[in-house]
């Protein structure tokens, strides 16, 4: 004879597993390379969460609103890399 209670427990367990399978996209770290052409040799920086925090600190020190780095003009990007060269991790 089948027990409904066991089926419900199995169904809840299966739902929890299915829900957790959808979460890994939330924890994947986004990274891409950004080249600093003004410093020799031109280092390739990996833009990740750590670099984003440094960039936000840079903007905060300058009392500027957040704008994605890729949307900044070349002059602003150059100013950031100059600052970053003086403020290593």
Protein backbone atom coordinates (compact mmCIF):
# COMPACT_ATOMS: atom_id res chain seq x y z
CA UNK A 1 0.00 0.00 0.00
CA UNK A 2 1.29 3.49 -0.90
CA UNK A 3 1.60 6.17 1.70
CA UNK A 4 0.60 9.72 0.65
CA UNK A 5 2.88 11.21 3.32
CA UNK A 6 5.96 9.64 1.68
CA UNK A 7 4.90 10.96 -1.73
CA UNK A 8 4.48 14.46 -0.35
CA UNK A 9 7.94 14.35 1.24
CA UNK A 10 9.47 13.13 -2.03
CA UNK A 11 7.63 15.86 -3.95
CA UNK A 12 8.86 18.58 -1.57
CA UNK A 13 12.41 17.22 -1.83
CA UNK A 14 12.24 17.15 -5.65
CA UNK A 15 10.92 20.73 -5.72
CA UNK A 16 13.77 21.90 -3.48
CA UNK A 17 16.35 20.24 -5.74
CA UNK A 18 14.76 21.74 -8.87
CA UNK A 19 14.71 25.21 -7.29
CA UNK A 20 18.36 24.99 -6.25
CA UNK A 21 19.32 24.00 -9.80
CA UNK A 22 18.15 27.43 -10.97
CA UNK A 23 20.36 29.36 -8.52
CA UNK A 24 23.92 28.90 -9.81
CA UNK A 25 23.54 31.83 -12.20
CA UNK A 26 23.25 34.08 -9.18
CA UNK A 27 26.67 33.20 -7.82
CA UNK A 28 28.76 33.15 -10.99
CA UNK A 29 31.37 35.89 -10.90
CA UNK A 30 31.34 38.12 -13.95
CA UNK A 31 34.76 39.03 -15.29
CA UNK A 32 36.22 40.45 -18.46
CA UNK A 33 39.54 41.98 -19.51
CA UNK A 34 40.14 45.71 -19.73
CA UNK A 35 43.39 47.05 -21.18
CA UNK A 36 45.25 49.99 -19.68
CA UNK A 37 47.06 51.46 -22.68
CA UNK A 38 48.74 54.37 -20.88
CA UNK A 39 51.00 52.29 -18.66
CA UNK A 40 53.94 50.39 -20.10
CA UNK A 41 53.71 47.51 -20.41
CA UNK A 42 49.96 47.79 -20.97
CA UNK A 43 48.52 45.45 -18.35
CA UNK A 44 45.32 43.55 -19.00
CA UNK A 45 43.12 43.97 -15.96
CA UNK A 46 40.49 41.39 -15.15
CA UNK A 47 37.39 43.40 -14.36
CA UNK A 48 35.75 41.44 -11.59
CA UNK A 49 33.96 42.24 -8.35
CA UNK A 50 37.23 43.37 -6.72
CA UNK A 51 37.99 45.80 -9.54
CA UNK A 52 34.42 47.08 -9.47
CA UNK A 53 34.80 47.84 -5.74
CA UNK A 54 38.02 49.76 -6.42
CA UNK A 55 36.27 51.71 -9.18
CA UNK A 56 33.40 52.56 -6.85
CA UNK A 57 35.91 53.72 -4.21
CA UNK A 58 37.54 55.92 -6.87
CA UNK A 59 34.19 57.50 -7.77
CA UNK A 60 33.35 57.99 -4.10
CA UNK A 61 36.66 59.79 -3.45
CA UNK A 62 35.89 62.10 -6.36
CA UNK A 63 32.26 62.59 -5.21
CA UNK A 64 30.97 61.37 -8.57
CA UNK A 65 27.85 59.35 -9.31
CA UNK A 66 28.29 55.75 -10.43
CA UNK A 67 28.52 55.25 -14.18
CA UNK A 68 29.56 51.89 -15.62
CA UNK A 69 33.26 51.99 -16.46
CA UNK A 70 32.61 50.88 -20.04
CA UNK A 71 30.31 53.87 -20.54
CA UNK A 72 32.92 56.39 -19.39
CA UNK A 73 34.75 58.32 -22.09
CA UNK A 74 38.44 57.59 -22.78
CA UNK A 75 39.62 60.52 -20.66
CA UNK A 76 37.67 59.35 -17.61
CA UNK A 77 38.88 55.77 -18.08
CA UNK A 78 42.47 57.01 -18.29
CA UNK A 79 42.02 59.02 -15.10
CA UNK A 80 40.74 55.90 -13.34
CA UNK A 81 43.73 53.79 -14.47
CA UNK A 82 46.12 56.53 -13.31
CA UNK A 83 44.43 56.49 -9.91
CA UNK A 84 44.42 52.70 -9.86
CA UNK A 85 48.17 52.55 -10.57
CA UNK A 86 48.69 54.62 -7.43
CA UNK A 87 46.21 52.56 -5.37
CA UNK A 88 47.02 48.87 -5.76
CA UNK A 89 45.16 46.26 -3.73
